[in-house]
């Protein structure tokens, strides 16, 4: 099975703006899906919480 990816808007706390990026989706212990990517402008780690599957 291929790894799930999320492509969409993330909020960058360093740039204080929404950035479009693509990142890998993981699931934590509580079952929350979390997408992680890098900001294309400043290379800060971006995190977006997604609804449960």
N, C-alpha and C. Protein backbone atom coordinates (compact mmCIF):
# COMPACT_ATOMS: atom_id res chain seq x y z
N UNK A 1 0.84 -1.19 0.00
CA UNK A 1 0.00 0.00 0.00
C UNK A 1 0.88 1.25 0.00
N UNK A 2 0.57 2.19 -0.83
CA UNK A 2 1.34 3.43 -0.92
C UNK A 2 1.00 4.34 0.26
N UNK A 3 1.98 5.13 0.66
CA UNK A 3 1.77 6.07 1.77
C UNK A 3 0.78 7.14 1.33
N UNK A 4 -0.09 7.53 2.26
CA UNK A 4 -1.10 8.55 1.96
C UNK A 4 -0.45 9.93 2.01
N UNK A 5 -0.85 10.79 1.07
CA UNK A 5 -0.35 12.17 1.06
C UNK A 5 -1.53 13.13 1.11
N UNK A 6 -1.25 14.34 1.57
CA UNK A 6 -2.25 15.41 1.63
C UNK A 6 -1.69 16.59 0.87
N UNK A 7 -2.46 17.12 -0.06
CA UNK A 7 -2.04 18.32 -0.80
C UNK A 7 -3.09 19.39 -0.54
N UNK A 8 -2.66 20.48 0.05
CA UNK A 8 -3.59 21.55 0.36
C UNK A 8 -2.93 22.66 1.14
N UNK A 9 -3.76 23.40 1.86
CA UNK A 9 -3.31 24.59 2.56
C UNK A 9 -2.86 24.25 3.98
N UNK A 10 -1.68 24.73 4.34
CA UNK A 10 -1.14 24.64 5.70
C UNK A 10 -0.94 26.07 6.19
N UNK A 11 -0.98 26.29 7.50
CA UNK A 11 -0.68 27.61 8.06
C UNK A 11 0.75 27.60 8.58
N UNK A 12 1.57 28.50 8.08
CA UNK A 12 2.95 28.63 8.54
C UNK A 12 3.00 29.67 9.65
N UNK A 13 3.45 29.26 10.84
CA UNK A 13 3.51 30.18 11.98
C UNK A 13 4.68 31.15 11.86
N UNK A 14 5.69 30.80 11.08
CA UNK A 14 6.82 31.71 10.90
C UNK A 14 6.49 32.80 9.89
N UNK A 15 5.87 32.44 8.76
CA UNK A 15 5.47 33.42 7.73
C UNK A 15 4.16 34.12 8.10
N UNK A 16 3.39 33.51 9.01
CA UNK A 16 2.06 34.00 9.40
C UNK A 16 1.13 34.10 8.20
N UNK A 17 1.13 33.04 7.38
CA UNK A 17 0.30 33.01 6.19
C UNK A 17 0.02 31.56 5.81
N UNK A 18 -1.01 31.36 5.00
CA UNK A 18 -1.35 30.03 4.51
C UNK A 18 -0.48 29.71 3.30
N UNK A 19 0.06 28.50 3.28
CA UNK A 19 0.92 28.06 2.18
C UNK A 19 0.38 26.75 1.63
N UNK A 20 0.41 26.60 0.31
CA UNK A 20 0.04 25.35 -0.31
C UNK A 20 1.26 24.44 -0.36
N UNK A 21 1.10 23.20 0.12
CA UNK A 21 2.20 22.25 0.16
C UNK A 21 1.64 20.84 0.09
N UNK A 22 2.52 19.88 -0.09
CA UNK A 22 2.13 18.47 -0.12
C UNK A 22 2.96 17.74 0.92
N UNK A 23 2.28 16.93 1.74
CA UNK A 23 2.99 16.25 2.81
C UNK A 23 2.45 14.86 3.09
N UNK A 24 3.21 14.10 3.86
CA UNK A 24 2.84 12.75 4.25
C UNK A 24 1.83 12.78 5.39
N UNK A 25 0.92 11.81 5.39
CA UNK A 25 -0.10 11.71 6.43
C UNK A 25 0.26 10.55 7.35
N UNK A 26 0.22 10.79 8.66
CA UNK A 26 0.44 9.75 9.66
C UNK A 26 -0.73 9.77 10.63
N UNK A 27 -0.85 8.69 11.41
CA UNK A 27 -1.93 8.57 12.39
C UNK A 27 -1.30 8.41 13.76
N UNK A 28 -1.73 9.24 14.74
CA UNK A 28 -1.17 9.14 16.09
C UNK A 28 -1.93 8.09 16.91
N UNK A 29 -1.58 7.96 18.18
CA UNK A 29 -2.17 6.93 19.05
C UNK A 29 -3.67 7.09 19.23
N UNK A 30 -4.17 8.33 19.19
CA UNK A 30 -5.60 8.58 19.38
C UNK A 30 -6.40 8.39 18.10
N UNK A 31 -5.73 8.14 16.98
CA UNK A 31 -6.43 7.95 15.72
C UNK A 31 -6.56 9.22 14.90
N UNK A 32 -5.92 10.30 15.34
CA UNK A 32 -5.97 11.56 14.60
C UNK A 32 -4.99 11.50 13.44
N UNK A 33 -5.46 11.90 12.27
CA UNK A 33 -4.60 11.94 11.09
C UNK A 33 -3.89 13.29 11.05
N UNK A 34 -2.58 13.26 10.85
CA UNK A 34 -1.76 14.47 10.85
C UNK A 34 -0.94 14.51 9.57
N UNK A 35 -1.04 15.63 8.83
CA UNK A 35 -0.24 15.82 7.62
C UNK A 35 0.95 16.71 7.99
N UNK A 36 2.14 16.32 7.54
CA UNK A 36 3.35 17.08 7.82
C UNK A 36 4.05 17.40 6.51
N UNK A 37 4.49 18.67 6.37
CA UNK A 37 5.17 19.12 5.15
C UNK A 37 6.18 20.20 5.52
N UNK A 38 6.86 20.73 4.52
CA UNK A 38 7.82 21.83 4.69
C UNK A 38 7.26 23.06 3.98
N UNK A 39 7.44 24.23 4.59
CA UNK A 39 7.02 25.49 3.98
C UNK A 39 7.89 25.75 2.75
N UNK A 40 7.27 26.00 1.58
CA UNK A 40 8.07 26.26 0.38
C UNK A 40 8.85 27.58 0.46
N UNK A 41 8.46 28.50 1.34
CA UNK A 41 9.11 29.80 1.44
C UNK A 41 10.27 29.80 2.44
N UNK A 42 10.01 29.30 3.66
CA UNK A 42 11.02 29.41 4.72
C UNK A 42 11.52 28.06 5.24
N UNK A 43 11.02 26.95 4.71
CA UNK A 43 11.43 25.58 5.08
C UNK A 43 11.10 25.18 6.50
N UNK A 44 10.16 25.88 7.14
CA UNK A 44 9.70 25.51 8.47
C UNK A 44 8.79 24.29 8.35
N UNK A 45 8.79 23.43 9.38
CA UNK A 45 7.89 22.28 9.38
C UNK A 45 6.46 22.76 9.53
N UNK A 46 5.57 22.22 8.68
CA UNK A 46 4.15 22.55 8.73
C UNK A 46 3.38 21.33 9.20
N UNK A 47 2.35 21.55 10.00
CA UNK A 47 1.50 20.47 10.50
C UNK A 47 0.06 20.87 10.30
N UNK A 48 -0.75 19.90 9.82
CA UNK A 48 -2.18 20.13 9.68
C UNK A 48 -2.91 18.91 10.21
N UNK A 49 -3.85 19.13 11.12
CA UNK A 49 -4.66 18.05 11.66
C UNK A 49 -5.83 17.82 10.73
N UNK A 50 -6.05 16.56 10.35
CA UNK A 50 -7.11 16.18 9.42
C UNK A 50 -8.19 15.43 10.17
N UNK A 51 -9.42 15.39 9.62
CA UNK A 51 -10.48 14.63 10.29
C UNK A 51 -10.17 13.14 10.30
N UNK A 52 -10.73 12.43 11.28
CA UNK A 52 -10.50 10.99 11.35
C UNK A 52 -11.08 10.31 10.13
N UNK A 53 -10.46 9.23 9.72
CA UNK A 53 -10.88 8.51 8.51
C UNK A 53 -12.21 7.82 8.67
